[in-house]
Protein backbone atom coordinates (compact mmCIF):
# COMPACT_ATOMS: atom_id res chain seq x y z
CA MET A 1 0.00 0.00 0.00
CA LYS A 2 2.79 2.39 0.94
CA TYR A 3 4.53 1.79 -2.36
CA VAL A 4 1.43 2.65 -4.32
CA ILE A 5 1.03 6.00 -2.52
CA THR A 6 4.71 6.85 -3.02
CA ILE A 7 4.48 6.17 -6.72
CA ILE A 8 1.38 8.38 -7.01
CA ALA A 9 3.05 11.25 -5.09
CA VAL A 10 6.20 11.15 -7.13
CA GLY A 11 4.14 11.15 -10.26
CA VAL A 12 2.22 14.26 -9.16
CA VAL A 13 5.44 16.13 -8.34
CA ALA A 14 7.00 15.15 -11.64
CA VAL A 15 4.00 16.35 -13.52
CA GLY A 16 4.09 19.66 -11.66
CA VAL A 17 7.76 20.24 -12.35
CA ALA A 18 7.39 19.39 -15.97
CA PHE A 19 4.44 21.65 -16.26
CA THR A 20 6.36 24.58 -14.76
CA LEU A 21 9.45 24.07 -16.85
CA ARG A 22 7.62 23.49 -20.08
CA PHE A 23 5.03 26.20 -19.97
CA ALA A 24 6.33 28.93 -17.63
CA ASN A 25 7.96 31.00 -20.34
CA MET A 26 5.28 30.54 -22.96
CA PRO A 27 3.44 33.72 -23.93
CA PHE A 28 0.10 32.45 -22.95
CA PHE A 29 1.08 31.38 -19.51
CA SER A 30 3.37 34.30 -18.85
CA ASN A 31 0.37 36.49 -18.82
CA VAL A 32 -1.76 34.18 -16.71
CA SER A 33 -0.24 34.17 -13.25
CA GLU A 34 -2.95 32.08 -11.61
CA TYR A 35 -1.91 28.99 -13.59
CA SER A 36 1.74 29.28 -12.52
CA ILE A 37 3.13 26.88 -9.92
CA SER A 38 5.90 28.18 -7.77
CA GLN A 39 8.83 26.13 -6.53
CA THR A 40 7.69 26.73 -3.00
CA ASP A 41 4.29 25.15 -3.74
CA LEU A 42 5.93 22.10 -5.27
CA LEU A 43 8.15 21.55 -2.27
CA ALA A 44 5.14 21.87 0.01
CA SER A 45 3.31 19.24 -2.01
CA VAL A 46 6.24 16.88 -1.80
CA SER A 47 6.41 17.42 1.95
CA ARG A 48 2.74 16.54 2.33
CA VAL A 49 3.21 13.36 0.25
CA GLU A 50 6.13 12.34 2.38
CA ALA A 51 4.04 12.89 5.49
CA VAL A 52 1.24 10.71 4.14
CA GLN A 53 3.77 8.08 3.22
CA GLU A 54 5.13 8.05 6.76
CA GLU A 55 1.63 7.66 8.15
CA VAL A 56 0.98 4.69 5.86
CA VAL A 57 4.30 3.06 6.81
CA ALA A 58 3.51 3.51 10.49
CA GLU A 59 0.08 1.96 10.04
CA GLU A 60 1.51 -1.06 8.15
CA THR A 61 4.19 -1.56 10.77
CA GLU A 62 1.59 -1.53 13.53
CA LYS A 63 -0.41 -4.21 11.73
CA GLU A 64 2.68 -6.43 11.34
CA VAL A 65 3.45 -6.11 15.02
CA VAL A 66 -0.11 -7.00 15.95
CA ALA A 67 -0.07 -10.03 13.59
CA LYS A 68 3.11 -11.36 15.19
CA GLN A 69 1.68 -11.20 18.70
CA PRO A 70 0.29 -14.59 19.98
CA THR A 71 -3.47 -14.93 19.86
CA LYS A 72 -4.95 -15.35 23.27
CA VAL A 73 -7.37 -18.24 22.70
CA THR A 74 -8.39 -20.83 25.26
CA PRO A 75 -7.68 -24.52 24.41
CA LYS A 76 -11.37 -25.22 23.84
CA GLN A 77 -11.86 -22.49 21.24
CA PRO A 78 -10.11 -24.27 18.31
CA VAL A 79 -12.37 -27.29 18.84
CA LYS A 80 -15.44 -25.08 18.73
CA GLU A 81 -14.24 -23.40 15.55
CA VAL A 82 -13.60 -26.79 13.87
CA VAL A 83 -17.07 -27.91 14.70
CA LYS A 84 -18.59 -24.75 13.28
CA GLU A 85 -16.46 -24.55 10.13
CA THR A 86 -16.41 -28.32 9.31
CA PRO A 87 -19.94 -29.72 9.25
CA VAL A 88 -20.22 -33.16 10.81
CA VAL A 89 -21.81 -35.81 8.55
CA THR A 90 -24.84 -37.18 10.33
CA HIS A 91 -26.96 -40.31 9.64
CA ALA A 92 -29.64 -37.96 8.36
CA GLU A 93 -27.33 -36.52 5.72
CA THR A 94 -25.67 -39.85 4.72
CA PRO A 95 -28.04 -42.81 5.21
CA VAL A 96 -26.33 -45.96 6.54
CA VAL A 97 -27.77 -49.33 5.52
CA ALA A 98 -28.06 -51.52 8.60
CA PRO A 99 -29.44 -55.06 9.01
CA PRO A 100 -33.01 -55.20 10.27
CA VAL A 101 -33.35 -55.57 13.97
CA THR A 102 -35.71 -58.27 15.17
CA ALA A 103 -37.05 -59.07 18.57
CA ASN A 104 -35.45 -62.53 18.48
CA PRO A 105 -32.47 -62.77 16.08
CA GLN A 106 -32.19 -66.54 16.62
CA THR A 107 -35.33 -67.13 14.58
CA GLU A 108 -33.44 -65.92 11.48
CA THR A 109 -31.16 -69.00 11.59
CA PRO A 110 -33.28 -72.03 10.63
CA LYS A 111 -30.49 -74.46 11.48
CA ALA A 112 -30.72 -73.45 15.10
CA VAL A 113 -34.38 -74.46 15.07
CA LEU A 114 -34.88 -77.14 12.39
CA GLN A 115 -32.41 -79.95 12.90
CA PRO A 116 -33.02 -83.19 10.94
CA SER A 117 -34.90 -85.77 12.94
CA THR A 118 -33.58 -89.25 13.62
CA GLU A 119 -36.97 -90.77 14.44
CA ASP A 120 -38.09 -93.84 12.51
CA ALA A 121 -41.89 -93.67 12.76
CA ILE A 122 -43.89 -92.08 9.93
CA TYR A 123 -47.42 -93.52 10.15
CA TYR A 124 -49.03 -95.57 12.94
CA ASP A 125 -52.80 -94.99 13.02
CA ALA A 126 -51.89 -91.37 12.15
CA PHE A 127 -48.89 -89.45 10.91
CA VAL A 128 -46.33 -89.09 13.69
CA GLY A 129 -42.78 -87.86 14.27
CA GLY A 130 -43.30 -84.52 12.53
CA TRP A 131 -44.75 -85.97 9.30
CA ALA A 132 -47.95 -84.49 7.86
CA ILE A 133 -49.96 -84.53 4.64
CA ALA A 134 -49.43 -81.45 2.48
CA GLU A 135 -52.54 -79.29 2.11
CA GLN A 136 -52.85 -79.85 -1.65
CA SER A 137 -52.97 -83.64 -1.12
CA LYS A 138 -55.83 -83.85 1.38
CA GLU A 139 -58.49 -84.46 -1.25
CA ILE A 140 -57.05 -87.82 -2.35
CA PHE A 141 -56.65 -89.64 0.96
CA THR A 142 -58.26 -90.47 4.26
CA ALA A 143 -55.60 -90.45 6.96
CA ASN A 144 -57.38 -92.41 9.67
CA ASP A 145 -59.50 -94.90 7.76
CA LYS A 146 -60.83 -97.81 9.80
CA SER A 147 -62.17 -99.98 6.99
CA TYR A 148 -59.02 -101.92 6.15
CA VAL A 149 -56.52 -101.99 9.02
CA LEU A 150 -53.51 -104.26 9.50
CA ASN A 151 -52.43 -103.18 12.98
CA GLY A 152 -53.83 -100.68 15.45
CA ASN A 153 -56.99 -98.73 14.78
CA ALA A 154 -56.54 -97.03 11.41
CA SER A 155 -54.70 -97.07 8.10
CA LEU A 156 -53.95 -94.63 5.29
CA ASN A 157 -56.70 -94.93 2.67
CA LEU A 158 -55.15 -93.61 -0.53
CA GLN A 159 -57.04 -93.07 -3.79
CA LEU A 160 -54.61 -91.89 -6.43
CA PRO A 161 -56.58 -90.44 -9.36
CA GLY A 162 -53.88 -91.21 -11.94
CA GLY A 163 -52.08 -88.86 -14.27
CA TRP A 164 -49.23 -88.87 -11.76
CA LYS A 165 -51.23 -86.73 -9.34
CA GLU A 166 -49.25 -87.00 -6.13
CA LEU A 167 -49.75 -87.48 -2.42
CA HIS A 168 -47.16 -85.38 -0.56
CA VAL A 169 -46.15 -86.29 2.96
CA ASP A 170 -43.90 -83.56 4.37
CA HIS A 171 -41.47 -83.17 7.25
CA ALA A 172 -40.34 -79.58 7.86
CA ALA A 173 -36.90 -80.42 9.25
CA GLY A 174 -36.41 -83.68 7.37
CA VAL A 175 -35.21 -87.06 8.64
CA ALA A 176 -31.55 -88.10 8.45
CA THR A 177 -31.12 -91.57 6.92
CA ALA A 178 -27.72 -92.25 8.50
CA HIS A 179 -27.79 -95.67 10.20
CA LYS A 180 -31.08 -96.56 8.52
CA ASP A 181 -31.23 -99.47 6.08
CA GLY A 182 -34.58 -98.89 4.44
CA LEU A 183 -38.22 -97.85 4.43
CA LYS A 184 -40.80 -100.31 5.77
CA LEU A 185 -44.53 -100.31 5.16
CA SER A 186 -47.48 -102.63 4.67
CA ILE A 187 -49.72 -102.29 1.62
CA VAL A 188 -52.90 -103.85 0.22
CA GLY A 189 -54.79 -103.08 -2.98
CA ASP A 190 -58.53 -102.58 -3.34
CA LYS A 191 -58.53 -104.68 -6.53
CA GLY A 192 -54.95 -105.95 -6.73
CA GLY A 193 -52.40 -105.21 -9.41
CA GLU A 194 -52.12 -101.50 -8.61
CA ASP A 195 -48.98 -99.67 -9.79
CA VAL A 196 -47.79 -97.24 -7.11
CA HIS A 197 -44.56 -95.24 -7.19
CA LEU A 198 -42.78 -93.87 -4.13
CA ALA A 199 -40.18 -91.08 -4.26
CA PHE A 200 -37.96 -89.29 -1.74
CA PHE A 201 -37.21 -85.54 -1.86
CA ASN A 202 -34.94 -83.46 0.36
CA PRO A 203 -36.31 -80.53 2.44
CA ALA A 204 -35.40 -78.09 -0.37
CA GLY A 205 -37.65 -80.00 -2.78
CA ALA A 206 -34.95 -81.73 -4.85
CA ARG A 207 -35.73 -85.30 -5.91
CA ILE A 208 -33.48 -87.96 -4.34
CA GLY A 209 -34.77 -91.22 -5.84
CA ALA A 210 -37.86 -93.29 -6.64
CA VAL A 211 -39.04 -96.92 -6.87
CA ARG A 212 -42.17 -98.94 -7.68
CA ILE A 213 -43.55 -100.30 -4.40
CA GLN A 214 -44.78 -103.55 -5.97
CA ASP A 215 -41.20 -104.49 -6.94
CA TYR A 216 -40.43 -104.93 -3.24
CA THR A 217 -43.46 -106.95 -2.20
CA PRO A 218 -43.05 -110.72 -1.67
CA ALA A 219 -45.50 -111.38 -4.54
CA ARG A 220 -43.81 -108.79 -6.80
CA ALA A 221 -47.27 -107.23 -7.11
CA ILE A 222 -49.77 -105.38 -4.92
CA THR A 223 -52.43 -107.91 -3.92
CA ARG A 224 -55.74 -107.89 -2.06
CA GLU A 225 -53.97 -109.05 1.08
CA TYR A 226 -51.58 -106.97 3.16
CA GLN A 227 -47.92 -107.52 2.35
CA SER A 228 -44.93 -106.24 4.30
CA VAL A 229 -42.52 -104.26 2.16
CA PHE A 230 -38.91 -103.32 2.74
CA ILE A 231 -37.32 -100.83 0.32
CA PRO A 232 -33.53 -100.48 0.77
CA ILE A 233 -32.38 -96.90 1.29
CA ARG A 234 -29.70 -97.32 -1.37
CA LYS A 235 -32.34 -98.17 -3.98
CA LEU A 236 -33.82 -94.73 -3.31
CA ASN A 237 -30.35 -93.13 -3.61
CA ALA A 238 -30.86 -91.82 -0.07
CA GLU A 239 -27.88 -93.14 1.88
CA ASN A 240 -26.65 -90.55 4.41
CA LYS A 241 -29.07 -87.90 3.20
CA VAL A 242 -31.99 -85.95 4.68
CA VAL A 243 -35.50 -86.85 3.51
CA GLY A 244 -38.02 -84.01 3.78
CA LYS A 245 -40.81 -85.32 1.57
CA ILE A 246 -42.29 -88.70 0.59
CA VAL A 247 -44.38 -88.66 -2.59
CA LEU A 248 -46.77 -91.42 -3.71
CA SER A 249 -48.17 -91.37 -7.26
CA SER A 250 -49.61 -93.54 -10.03
CA GLU A 251 -50.07 -93.23 -13.76
CA GLU A 252 -53.49 -94.90 -13.58
CA TYR A 253 -56.16 -94.78 -10.88
CA ALA A 254 -54.97 -96.77 -7.86
CA HIS A 255 -56.82 -97.41 -4.59
CA VAL A 256 -54.56 -98.82 -1.88
CA TYR A 257 -54.29 -98.92 1.91
CA ILE A 258 -50.95 -98.33 3.64
CA ASP A 259 -50.17 -99.06 7.26
CA ASP A 260 -47.20 -99.11 9.65
CA MET A 261 -44.78 -96.93 7.66
CA GLN A 262 -41.37 -96.31 9.19
CA PHE A 263 -37.64 -96.12 8.60
CA GLY A 264 -35.79 -99.15 9.92
CA ASN A 265 -32.81 -101.42 9.88
CA ALA A 266 -32.43 -104.83 8.31
CA GLY A 267 -34.13 -107.64 10.16
CA ALA A 268 -36.05 -105.37 12.55
CA GLY A 269 -39.83 -104.97 12.60
CA GLU A 270 -42.31 -105.80 9.84
CA SER A 271 -40.45 -105.95 6.52
CA ALA A 272 -40.08 -108.10 3.47
CA ALA A 273 -36.61 -109.05 4.66
CA SER A 274 -37.94 -110.48 7.92
CA ASN A 275 -40.14 -112.89 5.96
CA TYR A 276 -37.01 -114.55 4.57
CA VAL A 277 -33.72 -115.93 5.79
CA THR A 278 -31.50 -113.06 6.90
CA GLN A 279 -28.32 -114.99 7.78
CA PRO A 280 -25.92 -115.07 4.80
CA GLU A 281 -24.23 -118.44 5.45
CA VAL A 282 -25.17 -121.38 3.21
CA PHE A 283 -22.49 -123.93 4.16
CA THR A 284 -19.98 -123.77 7.02
CA ASP A 285 -18.99 -127.36 7.94
CA SER A 286 -22.63 -128.22 7.28
CA PHE A 287 -25.66 -126.78 5.51
CA VAL A 288 -27.16 -124.02 7.70
CA ASN A 289 -30.04 -121.51 7.75
CA ALA A 290 -32.58 -123.84 6.11
CA TRP A 291 -30.34 -124.73 3.13
CA THR A 292 -30.44 -128.34 1.88
CA LYS A 293 -28.80 -130.23 -1.00
CA THR A 294 -29.76 -132.53 -3.84
CA SER A 295 -27.79 -133.50 -6.91
CA TRP A 296 -28.01 -134.93 -10.42
CA ALA A 297 -25.38 -137.08 -12.19
CA SER A 298 -22.96 -136.30 -9.39
CA ASP A 299 -21.60 -137.95 -6.27
CA VAL A 300 -21.80 -135.58 -3.30
CA ALA A 301 -20.48 -136.15 0.22
CA LEU A 302 -19.40 -134.17 3.25
CA THR A 303 -15.81 -134.93 4.24
CA THR A 304 -13.05 -133.69 6.49
CA GLU A 305 -10.47 -135.10 4.08
CA GLY A 306 -9.28 -132.32 1.84
CA ALA A 307 -11.32 -129.75 3.75
CA ARG A 308 -10.04 -126.20 4.08
CA SER A 309 -11.15 -126.22 7.71
CA GLY A 310 -13.59 -128.52 9.47
CA THR A 311 -15.77 -130.16 6.82
CA ALA A 312 -16.05 -129.58 3.06
CA ILE A 313 -18.37 -130.69 0.23
CA LYS A 314 -16.74 -133.28 -2.03
CA VAL A 315 -18.28 -133.47 -5.52
CA ILE A 316 -17.55 -135.77 -8.47
CA PHE A 317 -19.38 -134.66 -11.61
CA ASN A 318 -20.00 -137.91 -13.49
CA GLN A 319 -20.93 -136.32 -16.80
CA ALA A 320 -21.59 -133.05 -18.51
CA TYR A 321 -24.27 -131.00 -16.76
CA GLY A 322 -23.89 -132.99 -13.58
CA ASN A 323 -24.71 -130.71 -10.70
CA ILE A 324 -25.25 -130.08 -7.02
CA TYR A 325 -28.46 -128.25 -6.21
CA LEU A 326 -28.75 -126.24 -2.94
CA GLU A 327 -32.27 -125.22 -1.99
CA ASN A 328 -33.92 -122.94 0.58
CA THR A 329 -37.72 -123.10 0.69
CA ILE A 330 -37.89 -119.87 2.72
CA GLY A 331 -35.53 -117.90 0.53
CA PHE A 332 -32.69 -115.51 1.27
CA ASN A 333 -33.24 -111.77 0.67
CA THR A 334 -30.12 -110.31 -0.96
CA TYR A 335 -30.98 -106.62 -0.52
CA THR A 336 -27.89 -105.90 1.65
CA LYS A 337 -25.54 -108.27 -0.18
CA HIS A 338 -23.59 -107.93 -3.41
CA ARG A 339 -21.66 -111.19 -3.84
CA LEU A 340 -21.80 -114.97 -3.50
CA THR A 341 -18.47 -116.33 -2.26
CA PHE A 342 -16.99 -119.80 -1.68
CA ASN A 343 -13.65 -121.61 -1.61
CA ILE A 344 -12.91 -124.31 -4.18
CA LYS A 345 -10.12 -126.61 -5.35
CA GLY A 346 -9.76 -129.54 -7.79
CA GLY A 347 -7.40 -130.54 -10.57
CA ASP A 348 -10.11 -130.69 -13.20
CA LEU A 349 -11.09 -127.05 -12.71
CA ALA A 350 -8.70 -126.27 -15.55
CA SER A 351 -10.76 -128.21 -18.10
CA ALA A 352 -14.24 -128.38 -16.61
CA ASP A 353 -16.35 -125.29 -17.17
CA VAL A 354 -17.96 -125.01 -13.73
CA SER A 355 -20.77 -122.46 -13.52
CA VAL A 356 -23.13 -121.14 -10.85
CA ALA A 357 -26.81 -120.29 -11.43
CA LEU A 358 -29.20 -118.64 -8.98
CA TYR A 359 -32.98 -119.14 -8.81
CA GLY A 360 -35.73 -117.32 -6.95
CA GLY A 361 -37.78 -114.13 -7.08
CA HIS A 362 -39.82 -112.04 -4.64
CA SER A 363 -42.82 -114.29 -5.04
CA GLY A 364 -40.82 -117.21 -3.63
CA SER A 365 -40.62 -118.78 -7.07
CA LYS A 366 -37.72 -120.76 -8.45
CA GLU A 367 -37.31 -118.88 -11.68
CA LYS A 368 -33.78 -118.74 -13.02
CA LEU A 369 -32.32 -115.35 -12.24
CA GLY A 370 -29.01 -115.75 -14.04
CA ALA A 371 -25.83 -117.85 -14.38
CA ILE A 372 -22.09 -117.19 -14.58
CA SER A 373 -18.92 -119.22 -15.21
CA ILE A 374 -16.39 -119.22 -12.38
CA LYS A 375 -13.40 -119.36 -14.75
CA GLU A 376 -12.73 -115.62 -14.84
CA TYR A 377 -12.99 -115.45 -11.05
CA LEU A 378 -10.35 -118.09 -10.33
CA GLN A 379 -7.32 -116.32 -8.93
CA SER A 380 -4.64 -118.93 -9.71
CA THR A 381 -3.77 -121.85 -11.95
CA ASP A 382 -2.76 -123.83 -8.89
CA TYR A 383 -6.07 -125.67 -8.97
CA TRP A 384 -5.10 -128.16 -6.24
CA SER A 385 -4.96 -125.34 -3.68
CA TYR A 386 -8.04 -123.61 -2.29
CA GLN A 387 -8.84 -120.25 -3.80
CA THR A 388 -11.71 -117.90 -3.09
CA VAL A 389 -14.29 -117.25 -5.78
CA SER A 390 -16.37 -114.06 -5.40
CA LEU A 391 -19.26 -113.76 -7.86
CA PRO A 392 -21.02 -110.37 -8.24
CA LEU A 393 -24.77 -110.75 -7.78
CA SER A 394 -25.25 -107.99 -10.32
CA ARG A 395 -23.80 -110.32 -12.97
CA ILE A 396 -26.43 -112.92 -12.08
CA SER A 397 -29.40 -110.51 -11.83
CA ALA A 398 -29.70 -111.38 -8.17
CA GLU A 399 -29.44 -108.04 -6.35
CA ASP A 400 -32.37 -106.96 -4.18
CA THR A 401 -34.28 -110.16 -4.67
CA VAL A 402 -34.92 -113.48 -2.95
CA VAL A 403 -32.72 -116.47 -3.76
CA THR A 404 -34.31 -119.87 -3.25
CA ALA A 405 -31.73 -122.11 -4.95
CA ILE A 406 -28.05 -122.30 -5.98
CA LEU A 407 -27.04 -124.62 -8.81
CA ILE A 408 -23.35 -125.57 -9.22
CA GLU A 409 -22.89 -127.34 -12.54
CA SER A 410 -20.01 -128.75 -14.61
CA GLY A 411 -19.72 -128.74 -18.37
CA ALA A 412 -17.80 -132.04 -18.30
CA ALA A 413 -17.06 -135.05 -16.10
CA THR A 414 -14.51 -134.40 -13.36
CA GLY A 415 -12.58 -136.00 -10.60
CA ASP A 416 -12.74 -134.80 -7.00
CA ILE A 417 -13.68 -131.16 -6.46
CA TYR A 418 -13.92 -129.66 -2.97
CA ILE A 419 -16.16 -126.73 -2.06
CA ASP A 420 -16.24 -124.99 1.32
CA ASP A 421 -17.56 -121.86 3.11
CA ILE A 422 -20.44 -120.87 0.82
CA GLN A 423 -22.11 -117.57 1.79
CA PHE A 424 -23.59 -114.31 0.56
CA ALA A 425 -21.36 -111.33 1.28
CA PHE A 426 -21.33 -107.57 1.00
């Protein structure tokens, strides 16, 4: 500021001097005295400018001194100023998304509430254990019908209209199938011959597996008399899973009654398996578990000579197609087994084509299920030493069925052949 004033003052003086020097002697101005500027006036003007300049310098100096002095402010004042000058962002100005608050947050975690059940019971006179008919299925069944009861006071009267219209039986939490072998139930048809399908779904509604119920009845058909049914869990693809829905359906109209439905283990309770032999041994030193023997064109004897341990079966096949025929009039249910095993030795095993055939069926019949040669299952060419033969039941069409007979047959005459430890195995 002081420099600006100085420049202006100097400029004014310079102009005055120039004016005096340039025009003082001109004719026009020599006659006009009032326009003349004396030297004394110029010096006075300069003096006044210098005085103003000093005042401005003094004022600027005073301001600098004041600015350098410390500001007397209490410690709290800077905080107040910051608050005033820097607006604080509030929730109102910047919305914050927060999770909804509920009265009981635990109810938002279904796992803490709905744990899979381990109970076996599904229907005994009524649905139990958390099972219930879905609302859309109530028009096609009578839950507590007393007209055709196997045990207790009521059964499930089911009239499937066909077109695959379904009966849904739901369990909110689901039932864990760990340590459960299968599904048991009893069923009877109003006319017989009904075709009813049963399917498992998980609690989320995804299909697990399905079967035809009649395939697991002793008669291989739904009849007009109650039959106990056992459906292996593995046939429903439900091993170690959680079942949240059971669905019954039929392509054609089907009127059936179902009673005593439950999950269960092999050999326990009412099941198809319990109607048959459940012990897997056929021969261990002797014929066991209702198995007997007959033969054709063969000499058969039990002997300790040449036995692997204890007693063995000694067979001489006298001609082609000579055989030993092992029969069980009750039948053995193979639903938990996958193989037929035995130990065998004999020098003529190299040339004789020995085969094994199985007979049976769910109806207790003696229909041929299938046959297989043992050649590819012999483990060694040392035929005079015992070796274990393990025949897959799947190769003989004998899984999940009832075996009533075992036929061991030779394609040619042989010398001594020893057979021991015959049994069904996993």
